[in-house]
């Protein structure tokens, strides 16, 4: 399960999507996630699914790698879907037994919410799968540069996000080591009921928390030793510049946005 966590990791492969400007990929993710909230309509979700599959194919990121990342979040998705299934009320009752009551509105809400969550996770994860943390930091800082006039620490915000993304695989590897060490001491994480399993997580979470604090202190000392004082006066070795393929990608984004708005109005 620990090795299934792929969210925030960069998948190194040569593709058209990987070569795009990070600002374009950030905009693609924002537009795609926004369109998922237009309306709960099968036509809109079908169009979003087709576009997402085409985007993944062009990026050359294997579907197996993407599904591997979803496995780590299936419990959260399933819990959210079940919660909607039983809490959303409606007039048409499909199943009623004791305190269980499932309506047509609840079933449709659960289905649409499940698809929306999967599409959101995969669509936003494609941004990190195809963009290095450094490029993502530069793209965010460039896009939000206008906020510096309002004294917003844009560089620091982008740096925090970059460090957080870098810590995901590091802490995942650390978690795997701690779990193997505890299993070597005789702990079986698959035995017992839910409360017993949660109790067994304590010997994992505490060392992981201590390790994260230690690594963050080491990183802070390293940045301080290198005289890091924020983004003021800093220059870029590879400044971001739009190319022809980036403008073409923006064109596809606009076509997709207009198409989804049209579908939302028409249906």
C-alpha atoms as a PDB file:
ATOM      1  CA  UNK A   1       0.000   0.000   0.000  1.00  0.00           C
ATOM      2  CA  UNK A   2       2.816   2.408   0.808  1.00  0.00           C
ATOM      3  CA  UNK A   3       4.460   1.839  -2.561  1.00  0.00           C
ATOM      4  CA  UNK A   4       1.143   2.623  -4.260  1.00  0.00           C
ATOM      5  CA  UNK A   5       1.375   6.295  -3.284  1.00  0.00           C
ATOM      6  CA  UNK A   6       2.320   8.041  -6.537  1.00  0.00           C
ATOM      7  CA  UNK A   7       0.574  11.399  -6.014  1.00  0.00           C
ATOM      8  CA  UNK A   8       3.024  14.279  -6.239  1.00  0.00           C
ATOM      9  CA  UNK A   9       5.688  12.204  -7.996  1.00  0.00           C
ATOM     10  CA  UNK A  10       7.193  13.090 -11.361  1.00  0.00           C
ATOM     11  CA  UNK A  11       7.054  10.417 -14.083  1.00  0.00           C
ATOM     12  CA  UNK A  12      10.111  10.997 -16.247  1.00  0.00           C
ATOM     13  CA  UNK A  13       9.300  10.318 -19.901  1.00  0.00           C
ATOM     14  CA  UNK A  14       9.589  12.368 -23.090  1.00  0.00           C
ATOM     15  CA  UNK A  15       6.205  13.554 -24.347  1.00  0.00           C
ATOM     16  CA  UNK A  16       4.533  16.654 -25.742  1.00  0.00           C
ATOM     17  CA  UNK A  17       2.841  17.292 -22.388  1.00  0.00           C
ATOM     18  CA  UNK A  18       6.130  17.039 -20.492  1.00  0.00           C
ATOM     19  CA  UNK A  19       7.692  19.649 -22.778  1.00  0.00           C
ATOM     20  CA  UNK A  20       4.915  22.185 -22.266  1.00  0.00           C
ATOM     21  CA  UNK A  21       5.435  25.262 -20.141  1.00  0.00           C
ATOM     22  CA  UNK A  22       4.441  24.547 -16.506  1.00  0.00           C
ATOM     23  CA  UNK A  23       2.071  27.508 -16.563  1.00  0.00           C
ATOM     24  CA  UNK A  24       0.113  25.829 -19.351  1.00  0.00           C
ATOM     25  CA  UNK A  25      -0.207  22.591 -17.382  1.00  0.00           C
ATOM     26  CA  UNK A  26      -1.317  24.476 -14.278  1.00  0.00           C
ATOM     27  CA  UNK A  27      -3.999  26.214 -16.349  1.00  0.00           C
ATOM     28  CA  UNK A  28      -5.079  22.888 -17.883  1.00  0.00           C
ATOM     29  CA  UNK A  29      -5.538  21.382 -14.407  1.00  0.00           C
ATOM     30  CA  UNK A  30      -7.484  24.420 -13.141  1.00  0.00           C
ATOM     31  CA  UNK A  31      -9.811  24.527 -16.154  1.00  0.00           C
ATOM     32  CA  UNK A  32     -10.402  20.777 -16.115  1.00  0.00           C
ATOM     33  CA  UNK A  33     -11.255  20.643 -12.396  1.00  0.00           C
ATOM     34  CA  UNK A  34     -13.514  23.703 -12.754  1.00  0.00           C
ATOM     35  CA  UNK A  35     -15.533  22.143 -15.587  1.00  0.00           C
ATOM     36  CA  UNK A  36     -16.305  19.120 -13.407  1.00  0.00           C
ATOM     37  CA  UNK A  37     -18.506  21.391 -11.266  1.00  0.00           C
ATOM     38  CA  UNK A  38     -20.570  22.764 -14.156  1.00  0.00           C
ATOM     39  CA  UNK A  39     -23.446  20.323 -13.868  1.00  0.00           C
ATOM     40  CA  UNK A  40     -24.214  16.730 -12.889  1.00  0.00           C
ATOM     41  CA  UNK A  41     -24.877  15.533 -16.407  1.00  0.00           C
ATOM     42  CA  UNK A  42     -23.749  12.257 -18.035  1.00  0.00           C
ATOM     43  CA  UNK A  43     -22.851  14.062 -21.260  1.00  0.00           C
ATOM     44  CA  UNK A  44     -20.469  16.441 -19.457  1.00  0.00           C
ATOM     45  CA  UNK A  45     -18.844  13.623 -17.503  1.00  0.00           C
ATOM     46  CA  UNK A  46     -18.500  11.512 -20.654  1.00  0.00           C
ATOM     47  CA  UNK A  47     -16.772  14.412 -22.416  1.00  0.00           C
ATOM     48  CA  UNK A  48     -14.499  14.975 -19.393  1.00  0.00           C
ATOM     49  CA  UNK A  49     -13.615  11.261 -19.384  1.00  0.00           C
ATOM     50  CA  UNK A  50     -12.734  11.223 -23.097  1.00  0.00           C
ATOM     51  CA  UNK A  51     -10.567  14.343 -22.753  1.00  0.00           C
ATOM     52  CA  UNK A  52      -8.793  12.941 -19.691  1.00  0.00           C
ATOM     53  CA  UNK A  53      -8.015   9.619 -21.425  1.00  0.00           C
ATOM     54  CA  UNK A  54      -6.697  11.469 -24.489  1.00  0.00           C
ATOM     55  CA  UNK A  55      -4.557  13.712 -22.271  1.00  0.00           C
ATOM     56  CA  UNK A  56      -3.084  10.684 -20.482  1.00  0.00           C
ATOM     57  CA  UNK A  57      -2.332   8.943 -23.790  1.00  0.00           C
ATOM     58  CA  UNK A  58      -0.506  12.009 -25.137  1.00  0.00           C
ATOM     59  CA  UNK A  59       1.475  12.371 -21.886  1.00  0.00           C
ATOM     60  CA  UNK A  60       2.691   8.742 -22.164  1.00  0.00           C
ATOM     61  CA  UNK A  61       2.110   8.208 -18.440  1.00  0.00           C
ATOM     62  CA  UNK A  62       1.009   4.542 -18.061  1.00  0.00           C
ATOM     63  CA  UNK A  63      -2.546   3.955 -16.885  1.00  0.00           C
ATOM     64  CA  UNK A  64      -1.143   1.353 -14.486  1.00  0.00           C
ATOM     65  CA  UNK A  65       0.932   4.056 -12.769  1.00  0.00           C
ATOM     66  CA  UNK A  66      -2.142   6.294 -12.430  1.00  0.00           C
ATOM     67  CA  UNK A  67      -4.395   3.532 -11.079  1.00  0.00           C
ATOM     68  CA  UNK A  68      -1.629   2.653  -8.642  1.00  0.00           C
ATOM     69  CA  UNK A  69      -1.953   6.116  -7.147  1.00  0.00           C
ATOM     70  CA  UNK A  70      -5.747   5.800  -6.884  1.00  0.00           C
ATOM     71  CA  UNK A  71      -5.432   2.600  -4.846  1.00  0.00           C
ATOM     72  CA  UNK A  72      -4.023   4.588  -1.935  1.00  0.00           C
ATOM     73  CA  UNK A  73      -7.138   6.809  -1.877  1.00  0.00           C
ATOM     74  CA  UNK A  74      -9.903   4.323  -2.619  1.00  0.00           C
ATOM     75  CA  UNK A  75     -11.000   4.192   1.041  1.00  0.00           C
ATOM     76  CA  UNK A  76     -11.558   7.976   1.131  1.00  0.00           C
ATOM     77  CA  UNK A  77     -13.422   7.884  -2.187  1.00  0.00           C
ATOM     78  CA  UNK A  78     -15.549   4.917  -1.078  1.00  0.00           C
ATOM     79  CA  UNK A  79     -16.399   6.537   2.264  1.00  0.00           C
ATOM     80  CA  UNK A  80     -17.475   9.771   0.547  1.00  0.00           C
ATOM     81  CA  UNK A  81     -19.613   7.899  -1.981  1.00  0.00           C
ATOM     82  CA  UNK A  82     -21.338   5.784   0.694  1.00  0.00           C
ATOM     83  CA  UNK A  83     -21.954   8.871   2.834  1.00  0.00           C
ATOM     84  CA  UNK A  84     -23.715  10.564  -0.089  1.00  0.00           C
ATOM     85  CA  UNK A  85     -25.637   7.404  -0.912  1.00  0.00           C
ATOM     86  CA  UNK A  86     -27.294   7.237   2.508  1.00  0.00           C
ATOM     87  CA  UNK A  87     -27.601  10.922   3.416  1.00  0.00           C
ATOM     88  CA  UNK A  88     -29.013  12.510   0.246  1.00  0.00           C
ATOM     89  CA  UNK A  89     -32.799  12.492   0.437  1.00  0.00           C
ATOM     90  CA  UNK A  90     -35.219  12.163  -2.454  1.00  0.00           C
ATOM     91  CA  UNK A  91     -38.793  11.328  -3.361  1.00  0.00           C
ATOM     92  CA  UNK A  92     -38.192   8.056  -5.231  1.00  0.00           C
ATOM     93  CA  UNK A  93     -37.136   5.348  -2.762  1.00  0.00           C
ATOM     94  CA  UNK A  94     -35.149   2.461  -4.242  1.00  0.00           C
ATOM     95  CA  UNK A  95     -34.383   0.547  -1.043  1.00  0.00           C
ATOM     96  CA  UNK A  96     -35.636   0.900   2.501  1.00  0.00           C
ATOM     97  CA  UNK A  97     -34.738  -1.496   5.303  1.00  0.00           C
ATOM     98  CA  UNK A  98     -34.797  -0.439   8.943  1.00  0.00           C
ATOM     99  CA  UNK A  99     -32.613   2.669   9.201  1.00  0.00           C
ATOM    100  CA  UNK A 100     -31.212   2.212   5.659  1.00  0.00           C
ATOM    101  CA  UNK A 101     -32.899   4.351   3.044  1.00  0.00           C
ATOM    102  CA  UNK A 102     -31.541   4.714  -0.493  1.00  0.00           C
ATOM    103  CA  UNK A 103     -33.247   7.061  -2.921  1.00  0.00           C
ATOM    104  CA  UNK A 104     -32.777   7.648  -6.615  1.00  0.00           C
ATOM    105  CA  UNK A 105     -31.380  11.107  -5.913  1.00  0.00           C
ATOM    106  CA  UNK A 106     -28.900   9.645  -3.413  1.00  0.00           C
ATOM    107  CA  UNK A 107     -27.758   6.969  -5.867  1.00  0.00           C
ATOM    108  CA  UNK A 108     -27.222   9.479  -8.672  1.00  0.00           C
ATOM    109  CA  UNK A 109     -25.454  11.863  -6.304  1.00  0.00           C
ATOM    110  CA  UNK A 110     -23.116   9.090  -5.135  1.00  0.00           C
ATOM    111  CA  UNK A 111     -22.296   8.024  -8.710  1.00  0.00           C
ATOM    112  CA  UNK A 112     -21.598  11.566  -9.897  1.00  0.00           C
ATOM    113  CA  UNK A 113     -19.569  12.392  -6.792  1.00  0.00           C
ATOM    114  CA  UNK A 114     -17.465   9.237  -7.206  1.00  0.00           C
ATOM    115  CA  UNK A 115     -16.705  10.083 -10.842  1.00  0.00           C
ATOM    116  CA  UNK A 116     -15.967  13.697  -9.955  1.00  0.00           C
ATOM    117  CA  UNK A 117     -13.502  12.712  -7.237  1.00  0.00           C
ATOM    118  CA  UNK A 118     -11.686  10.250  -9.506  1.00  0.00           C
ATOM    119  CA  UNK A 119     -11.509  12.739 -12.374  1.00  0.00           C
ATOM    120  CA  UNK A 120     -10.320  15.504 -10.023  1.00  0.00           C
ATOM    121  CA  UNK A 121      -7.588  13.357  -8.476  1.00  0.00           C
ATOM    122  CA  UNK A 122      -6.326  12.021 -11.807  1.00  0.00           C
ATOM    123  CA  UNK A 123      -6.640  15.362 -13.611  1.00  0.00           C
ATOM    124  CA  UNK A 124      -4.769  17.311 -10.935  1.00  0.00           C
ATOM    125  CA  UNK A 125      -2.194  14.532 -10.498  1.00  0.00           C
ATOM    126  CA  UNK A 126      -1.318  14.717 -14.197  1.00  0.00           C
ATOM    127  CA  UNK A 127       0.123  18.153 -13.475  1.00  0.00           C
ATOM    128  CA  UNK A 128       2.676  16.688 -11.044  1.00  0.00           C
ATOM    129  CA  UNK A 129       3.259  13.528 -13.107  1.00  0.00           C
ATOM    130  CA  UNK A 130       4.390  15.628 -16.082  1.00  0.00           C
ATOM    131  CA  UNK A 131       6.091  18.540 -14.287  1.00  0.00           C
ATOM    132  CA  UNK A 132       9.186  18.562 -12.088  1.00  0.00           C
ATOM    133  CA  UNK A 133       8.860  20.291  -8.680  1.00  0.00           C
ATOM    134  CA  UNK A 134      11.304  23.019  -9.758  1.00  0.00           C
ATOM    135  CA  UNK A 135       9.358  23.743 -12.942  1.00  0.00           C
ATOM    136  CA  UNK A 136       6.092  23.741 -11.010  1.00  0.00           C
ATOM    137  CA  UNK A 137       7.536  26.228  -8.527  1.00  0.00           C
ATOM    138  CA  UNK A 138       8.720  28.519 -11.315  1.00  0.00           C
ATOM    139  CA  UNK A 139       5.361  28.278 -13.063  1.00  0.00           C
ATOM    140  CA  UNK A 140       3.383  29.133  -9.940  1.00  0.00           C
ATOM    141  CA  UNK A 141       5.661  32.032  -9.091  1.00  0.00           C
ATOM    142  CA  UNK A 142       5.400  33.384 -12.623  1.00  0.00           C
ATOM    143  CA  UNK A 143       1.614  33.042 -12.780  1.00  0.00           C
ATOM    144  CA  UNK A 144       1.075  34.686  -9.393  1.00  0.00           C
ATOM    145  CA  UNK A 145       3.719  37.364  -9.899  1.00  0.00           C
ATOM    146  CA  UNK A 146       1.084  40.111 -10.098  1.00  0.00           C
ATOM    147  CA  UNK A 147       0.202  39.427  -6.452  1.00  0.00           C
ATOM    148  CA  UNK A 148       3.610  40.697  -5.348  1.00  0.00           C
ATOM    149  CA  UNK A 149       2.281  44.234  -5.776  1.00  0.00           C
ATOM    150  CA  UNK A 150      -0.117  43.469  -2.910  1.00  0.00           C
ATOM    151  CA  UNK A 151       2.810  42.285  -0.706  1.00  0.00           C
ATOM    152  CA  UNK A 152       1.829  38.627  -1.078  1.00  0.00           C
ATOM    153  CA  UNK A 153       4.885  36.341  -0.585  1.00  0.00           C
ATOM    154  CA  UNK A 154       4.452  34.528  -3.906  1.00  0.00           C
ATOM    155  CA  UNK A 155       7.959  33.056  -4.018  1.00  0.00           C
ATOM    156  CA  UNK A 156       7.693  31.683  -0.499  1.00  0.00           C
ATOM    157  CA  UNK A 157       4.276  30.172  -1.269  1.00  0.00           C
ATOM    158  CA  UNK A 158       5.625  28.448  -4.395  1.00  0.00           C
ATOM    159  CA  UNK A 159       8.698  27.250  -2.506  1.00  0.00           C
ATOM    160  CA  UNK A 160       6.537  25.721   0.248  1.00  0.00           C
ATOM    161  CA  UNK A 161       4.492  23.836  -2.337  1.00  0.00           C
ATOM    162  CA  UNK A 162       7.632  22.594  -4.069  1.00  0.00           C
ATOM    163  CA  UNK A 163       9.136  21.360  -0.788  1.00  0.00           C
ATOM    164  CA  UNK A 164       5.857  19.649   0.125  1.00  0.00           C
ATOM    165  CA  UNK A 165       5.820  17.792  -3.192  1.00  0.00           C
ATOM    166  CA  UNK A 166       9.440  16.764  -2.727  1.00  0.00           C
ATOM    167  CA  UNK A 167       8.680  15.423   0.758  1.00  0.00           C
ATOM    168  CA  UNK A 168       5.911  13.084  -0.481  1.00  0.00           C
ATOM    169  CA  UNK A 169       8.211  10.369  -1.936  1.00  0.00           C
ATOM    170  CA  UNK A 170      10.749  10.889   0.875  1.00  0.00           C
ATOM    171  CA  UNK A 171       8.185  10.368   3.635  1.00  0.00           C
ATOM    172  CA  UNK A 172       6.630   7.491   1.687  1.00  0.00           C
ATOM    173  CA  UNK A 173       9.982   5.725   1.619  1.00  0.00           C
ATOM    174  CA  UNK A 174      10.482   6.484   5.320  1.00  0.00           C
ATOM    175  CA  UNK A 175       7.033   5.092   6.113  1.00  0.00           C
ATOM    176  CA  UNK A 176       7.828   1.901   4.230  1.00  0.00           C
ATOM    177  CA  UNK A 177      11.050   1.435   6.218  1.00  0.00           C
ATOM    178  CA  UNK A 178       9.280   1.992   9.545  1.00  0.00           C
ATOM    179  CA  UNK A 179       6.508  -0.477   8.665  1.00  0.00           C
ATOM    180  CA  UNK A 180       9.028  -3.146   7.659  1.00  0.00           C
ATOM    181  CA  UNK A 181      10.957  -2.579  10.889  1.00  0.00           C
ATOM    182  CA  UNK A 182       7.790  -2.989  12.960  1.00  0.00           C
ATOM    183  CA  UNK A 183       6.769  -6.094  10.998  1.00  0.00           C
ATOM    184  CA  UNK A 184      10.212  -7.574  11.710  1.00  0.00           C
ATOM    185  CA  UNK A 185       9.404  -7.083  15.410  1.00  0.00           C
ATOM    186  CA  UNK A 186       6.263  -9.205  15.054  1.00  0.00           C
ATOM    187  CA  UNK A 187       3.514  -6.633  14.399  1.00  0.00           C
ATOM    188  CA  UNK A 188       0.881  -7.793  11.905  1.00  0.00           C
ATOM    189  CA  UNK A 189      -1.016  -4.802  10.535  1.00  0.00           C
ATOM    190  CA  UNK A 190      -3.678  -6.991   8.866  1.00  0.00           C
ATOM    191  CA  UNK A 191      -4.927  -8.730  12.010  1.00  0.00           C
ATOM    192  CA  UNK A 192      -7.727  -7.534  14.269  1.00  0.00           C
ATOM    193  CA  UNK A 193     -10.700  -5.216  13.833  1.00  0.00           C
ATOM    194  CA  UNK A 194     -10.591  -1.562  12.818  1.00  0.00           C
ATOM    195  CA  UNK A 195      -9.769  -0.244  16.305  1.00  0.00           C
ATOM    196  CA  UNK A 196      -6.973  -2.777  16.780  1.00  0.00           C
ATOM    197  CA  UNK A 197      -5.439  -1.819  13.433  1.00  0.00           C
ATOM    198  CA  UNK A 198      -5.643   1.869  14.301  1.00  0.00           C
ATOM    199  CA  UNK A 199      -3.909   1.174  17.607  1.00  0.00           C
ATOM    200  CA  UNK A 200      -1.105  -0.618  15.740  1.00  0.00           C
ATOM    201  CA  UNK A 201      -0.502   2.519  13.682  1.00  0.00           C
ATOM    202  CA  UNK A 202       0.794   4.452  16.687  1.00  0.00           C
ATOM    203  CA  UNK A 203       4.297   2.846  16.559  1.00  0.00           C
ATOM    204  CA  UNK A 204       4.409   4.018  12.910  1.00  0.00           C
ATOM    205  CA  UNK A 205       3.011   7.526  13.105  1.00  0.00           C
ATOM    206  CA  UNK A 206       5.175   8.720  15.994  1.00  0.00           C
ATOM    207  CA  UNK A 207       8.549   7.771  14.365  1.00  0.00           C
ATOM    208  CA  UNK A 208       7.298   9.149  11.039  1.00  0.00           C
ATOM    209  CA  UNK A 209       6.347  12.451  12.678  1.00  0.00           C
ATOM    210  CA  UNK A 210       9.735  12.667  14.413  1.00  0.00           C
ATOM    211  CA  UNK A 211      11.509  11.881  11.139  1.00  0.00           C
ATOM    212  CA  UNK A 212       9.551  14.591   9.299  1.00  0.00           C
ATOM    213  CA  UNK A 213      10.458  17.185  11.959  1.00  0.00           C
ATOM    214  CA  UNK A 214      14.122  16.159  11.831  1.00  0.00           C
ATOM    215  CA  UNK A 215      14.240  16.393   8.038  1.00  0.00           C
ATOM    216  CA  UNK A 216      12.523  19.783   8.047  1.00  0.00           C
ATOM    217  CA  UNK A 217      15.055  21.119  10.574  1.00  0.00           C
ATOM    218  CA  UNK A 218      17.934  19.797   8.463  1.00  0.00           C
ATOM    219  CA  UNK A 219      16.450  21.425   5.361  1.00  0.00           C
ATOM    220  CA  UNK A 220      16.003  24.748   7.180  1.00  0.00           C
ATOM    221  CA  UNK A 221      19.643  24.658   8.375  1.00  0.00           C
ATOM    222  CA  UNK A 222      20.862  23.823   4.864  1.00  0.00           C
ATOM    223  CA  UNK A 223      18.877  26.703   3.324  1.00  0.00           C
ATOM    224  CA  UNK A 224      20.133  29.074   6.020  1.00  0.00           C
ATOM    225  CA  UNK A 225      23.757  27.933   5.463  1.00  0.00           C
ATOM    226  CA  UNK A 226      23.352  28.758   1.763  1.00  0.00           C
ATOM    227  CA  UNK A 227      22.125  32.280   2.654  1.00  0.00           C
ATOM    228  CA  UNK A 228      18.604  31.743   1.366  1.00  0.00           C
ATOM    229  CA  UNK A 229      16.462  34.792   2.161  1.00  0.00           C
ATOM    230  CA  UNK A 230      13.437  34.461  -0.126  1.00  0.00           C
ATOM    231  CA  UNK A 231      12.928  35.427  -3.747  1.00  0.00           C
ATOM    232  CA  UNK A 232      14.003  39.065  -3.624  1.00  0.00           C
ATOM    233  CA  UNK A 233      16.771  39.698  -6.152  1.00  0.00           C
ATOM    234  CA  UNK A 234      16.930  36.072  -7.300  1.00  0.00           C
ATOM    235  CA  UNK A 235      17.319  35.211 -10.983  1.00  0.00           C
ATOM    236  CA  UNK A 236      16.436  32.074 -12.944  1.00  0.00           C
ATOM    237  CA  UNK A 237      18.939  29.878 -14.731  1.00  0.00           C
ATOM    238  CA  UNK A 238      16.177  28.852 -17.166  1.00  0.00           C
ATOM    239  CA  UNK A 239      13.585  31.645 -17.365  1.00  0.00           C
ATOM    240  CA  UNK A 240      10.155  30.568 -18.571  1.00  0.00           C
ATOM    241  CA  UNK A 241       9.248  31.620 -22.101  1.00  0.00           C
ATOM    242  CA  UNK A 242       6.176  30.633 -24.074  1.00  0.00           C
ATOM    243  CA  UNK A 243       6.746  28.732 -27.306  1.00  0.00           C
ATOM    244  CA  UNK A 244       4.494  27.911 -30.223  1.00  0.00           C
ATOM    245  CA  UNK A 245       3.345  24.600 -28.731  1.00  0.00           C
ATOM    246  CA  UNK A 246       2.286  26.410 -25.549  1.00  0.00           C
ATOM    247  CA  UNK A 247      -0.009  28.766 -27.473  1.00  0.00           C
ATOM    248  CA  UNK A 248      -1.444  25.779 -29.343  1.00  0.00           C
ATOM    249  CA  UNK A 249      -2.122  24.086 -25.990  1.00  0.00           C
ATOM    250  CA  UNK A 250      -3.868  27.228 -24.734  1.00  0.00           C
ATOM    251  CA  UNK A 251      -6.011  27.064 -27.868  1.00  0.00           C
ATOM    252  CA  UNK A 252      -7.062  23.496 -27.047  1.00  0.00           C
ATOM    253  CA  UNK A 253      -7.868  24.576 -23.490  1.00  0.00           C
ATOM    254  CA  UNK A 254     -10.134  27.351 -24.756  1.00  0.00           C
ATOM    255  CA  UNK A 255     -11.878  24.970 -27.182  1.00  0.00           C
ATOM    256  CA  UNK A 256     -12.440  22.498 -24.347  1.00  0.00           C
ATOM    257  CA  UNK A 257     -13.775  25.203 -22.014  1.00  0.00           C
ATOM    258  CA  UNK A 258     -16.169  26.597 -24.626  1.00  0.00           C
ATOM    259  CA  UNK A 259     -17.299  23.071 -25.505  1.00  0.00           C
ATOM    260  CA  UNK A 260     -18.052  22.185 -21.882  1.00  0.00           C
ATOM    261  CA  UNK A 261     -19.937  25.448 -21.342  1.00  0.00           C
ATOM    262  CA  UNK A 262     -21.979  24.710 -24.467  1.00  0.00           C
ATOM    263  CA  UNK A 263     -22.787  21.193 -23.254  1.00  0.00           C
ATOM    264  CA  UNK A 264     -23.777  22.523 -19.825  1.00  0.00           C
ATOM    265  CA  UNK A 265     -26.185  25.048 -21.418  1.00  0.00           C
ATOM    266  CA  UNK A 266     -27.594  22.680 -24.036  1.00  0.00           C
ATOM    267  CA  UNK A 267     -28.198  19.675 -21.774  1.00  0.00           C
END
